Amino acid sequence: MKYIKKPIVIEAIQLTWDNWNEICDFVDVPKNGRGVEDDMPKIAMEIYTLEGTHKANENDWIIKGVKGEFYPCKPDIFEMTYEKVEE
């Protein structure tokens, strides 16, 4: 059998240095924890999901699910799965 996802509107924000405070407000975490890896400016954040803790890396999308849960999504998967909704 084949299935199609029900069309639902989600909230999401892409993790970048420029919107760190907005991300922290979105997932309701303290505004500390920026990191540097291998001498390259990178940002990462631990996201507490229904399946446990997952790491969101720079440019990953953080999605708020239908039950208010959060989870990270790689940019290419996000692009294939979601379209922007005009408000």
C-alpha atoms as a PDB file:
ATOM      1  CA  MET A   1       0.000   0.000   0.000  1.00  0.00           C
ATOM      2  CA  LYS A   2       1.058   3.581  -0.582  1.00  0.00           C
ATOM      3  CA  TYR A   3       0.361   6.592   1.616  1.00  0.00           C
ATOM      4  CA  ILE A   4       0.715  10.347   1.303  1.00  0.00           C
ATOM      5  CA  LYS A   5       1.418  12.751   4.150  1.00  0.00           C
ATOM      6  CA  LYS A   6      -1.534  14.798   5.257  1.00  0.00           C
ATOM      7  CA  PRO A   7      -1.000  18.448   4.396  1.00  0.00           C
ATOM      8  CA  ILE A   8      -0.226  20.250   7.633  1.00  0.00           C
ATOM      9  CA  VAL A   9       1.364  23.612   8.310  1.00  0.00           C
ATOM     10  CA  ILE A  10       4.500  23.441  10.461  1.00  0.00           C
ATOM     11  CA  GLU A  11       6.713  26.062  12.028  1.00  0.00           C
ATOM     12  CA  ALA A  12      10.420  25.855  11.213  1.00  0.00           C
ATOM     13  CA  ILE A  13      13.533  27.995  11.375  1.00  0.00           C
ATOM     14  CA  GLN A  14      16.982  27.437   9.885  1.00  0.00           C
ATOM     15  CA  LEU A  15      19.893  27.327  12.345  1.00  0.00           C
ATOM     16  CA  THR A  16      22.470  30.035  11.553  1.00  0.00           C
ATOM     17  CA  TRP A  17      24.754  32.358  13.521  1.00  0.00           C
ATOM     18  CA  ASP A  18      22.595  35.317  12.520  1.00  0.00           C
ATOM     19  CA  ASN A  19      19.437  34.035  14.190  1.00  0.00           C
ATOM     20  CA  TRP A  20      20.814  32.310  17.307  1.00  0.00           C
ATOM     21  CA  ASN A  21      18.599  34.296  19.707  1.00  0.00           C
ATOM     22  CA  GLU A  22      15.515  33.645  17.583  1.00  0.00           C
ATOM     23  CA  ILE A  23      16.321  29.908  17.530  1.00  0.00           C
ATOM     24  CA  CYS A  24      16.755  29.828  21.310  1.00  0.00           C
ATOM     25  CA  ASP A  25      13.403  31.565  21.773  1.00  0.00           C
ATOM     26  CA  PHE A  26      11.778  29.181  19.285  1.00  0.00           C
ATOM     27  CA  VAL A  27      12.894  26.019  21.117  1.00  0.00           C
ATOM     28  CA  ASP A  28      12.834  27.695  24.552  1.00  0.00           C
ATOM     29  CA  VAL A  29      16.462  27.138  25.580  1.00  0.00           C
ATOM     30  CA  PRO A  30      19.053  29.476  27.166  1.00  0.00           C
ATOM     31  CA  LYS A  31      20.921  31.738  24.745  1.00  0.00           C
ATOM     32  CA  ASN A  32      24.335  30.202  25.468  1.00  0.00           C
ATOM     33  CA  GLY A  33      26.024  27.188  23.920  1.00  0.00           C
ATOM     34  CA  ARG A  34      27.509  28.514  20.688  1.00  0.00           C
ATOM     35  CA  GLY A  35      30.392  26.347  19.611  1.00  0.00           C
ATOM     36  CA  VAL A  36      33.416  26.174  17.368  1.00  0.00           C
ATOM     37  CA  GLU A  37      34.530  22.898  15.795  1.00  0.00           C
ATOM     38  CA  ASP A  38      37.868  22.187  14.105  1.00  0.00           C
ATOM     39  CA  ASP A  39      38.808  25.899  14.089  1.00  0.00           C
ATOM     40  CA  MET A  40      35.903  26.598  11.706  1.00  0.00           C
ATOM     41  CA  PRO A  41      33.037  28.804  12.791  1.00  0.00           C
ATOM     42  CA  LYS A  42      30.165  26.362  13.152  1.00  0.00           C
ATOM     43  CA  ILE A  43      27.089  26.358  15.276  1.00  0.00           C
ATOM     44  CA  ALA A  44      25.232  23.402  16.707  1.00  0.00           C
ATOM     45  CA  MET A  45      22.445  22.816  19.175  1.00  0.00           C
ATOM     46  CA  GLU A  46      21.042  19.803  20.970  1.00  0.00           C
ATOM     47  CA  ILE A  47      17.347  19.356  20.260  1.00  0.00           C
ATOM     48  CA  TYR A  48      15.236  17.341  22.672  1.00  0.00           C
ATOM     49  CA  THR A  49      12.896  15.231  20.530  1.00  0.00           C
ATOM     50  CA  LEU A  50      10.312  12.560  21.274  1.00  0.00           C
ATOM     51  CA  GLU A  51      13.002   9.997  20.326  1.00  0.00           C
ATOM     52  CA  GLY A  52      15.717  11.498  22.547  1.00  0.00           C
ATOM     53  CA  THR A  53      18.387  14.144  22.016  1.00  0.00           C
ATOM     54  CA  HIS A  54      19.498  14.963  18.464  1.00  0.00           C
ATOM     55  CA  LYS A  55      22.117  17.417  17.248  1.00  0.00           C
ATOM     56  CA  ALA A  56      21.106  20.200  14.870  1.00  0.00           C
ATOM     57  CA  ASN A  57      24.041  21.583  12.887  1.00  0.00           C
ATOM     58  CA  GLU A  58      24.496  24.881  11.105  1.00  0.00           C
ATOM     59  CA  ASN A  59      21.925  25.297   8.296  1.00  0.00           C
ATOM     60  CA  ASP A  60      19.753  22.436   9.546  1.00  0.00           C
ATOM     61  CA  TRP A  61      16.099  23.311   9.944  1.00  0.00           C
ATOM     62  CA  ILE A  62      14.482  22.994  13.357  1.00  0.00           C
ATOM     63  CA  ILE A  63      10.873  21.942  12.965  1.00  0.00           C
ATOM     64  CA  LYS A  64       8.102  22.252  15.508  1.00  0.00           C
ATOM     65  CA  GLY A  65       5.908  19.181  15.126  1.00  0.00           C
ATOM     66  CA  VAL A  66       2.152  18.799  15.412  1.00  0.00           C
ATOM     67  CA  LYS A  67       2.357  18.043  19.150  1.00  0.00           C
ATOM     68  CA  GLY A  68       4.732  20.941  19.891  1.00  0.00           C
ATOM     69  CA  GLU A  69       7.824  18.740  19.781  1.00  0.00           C
ATOM     70  CA  PHE A  70      11.022  19.842  18.014  1.00  0.00           C
ATOM     71  CA  TYR A  71      13.331  17.962  15.716  1.00  0.00           C
ATOM     72  CA  PRO A  72      16.170  18.812  13.299  1.00  0.00           C
ATOM     73  CA  CYS A  73      15.949  18.296   9.539  1.00  0.00           C
ATOM     74  CA  LYS A  74      18.768  18.451   6.984  1.00  0.00           C
ATOM     75  CA  PRO A  75      18.383  21.256   4.403  1.00  0.00           C
ATOM     76  CA  ASP A  76      18.041  18.936   1.385  1.00  0.00           C
ATOM     77  CA  ILE A  77      15.311  16.850   3.045  1.00  0.00           C
ATOM     78  CA  PHE A  78      13.515  20.008   4.180  1.00  0.00           C
ATOM     79  CA  GLU A  79      13.606  21.393   0.630  1.00  0.00           C
ATOM     80  CA  MET A  80      12.135  18.164  -0.810  1.00  0.00           C
ATOM     81  CA  THR A  81       9.429  17.899   1.852  1.00  0.00           C
ATOM     82  CA  TYR A  82       8.170  21.416   2.602  1.00  0.00           C
ATOM     83  CA  GLU A  83       7.001  24.520   0.745  1.00  0.00           C
ATOM     84  CA  LYS A  84       6.814  27.999   2.248  1.00  0.00           C
ATOM     85  CA  VAL A  85       3.289  29.119   3.120  1.00  0.00           C
ATOM     86  CA  GLU A  86       2.454  32.716   2.369  1.00  0.00           C
ATOM     87  CA  GLU A  87       0.739  34.322   5.347  1.00  0.00           C
END
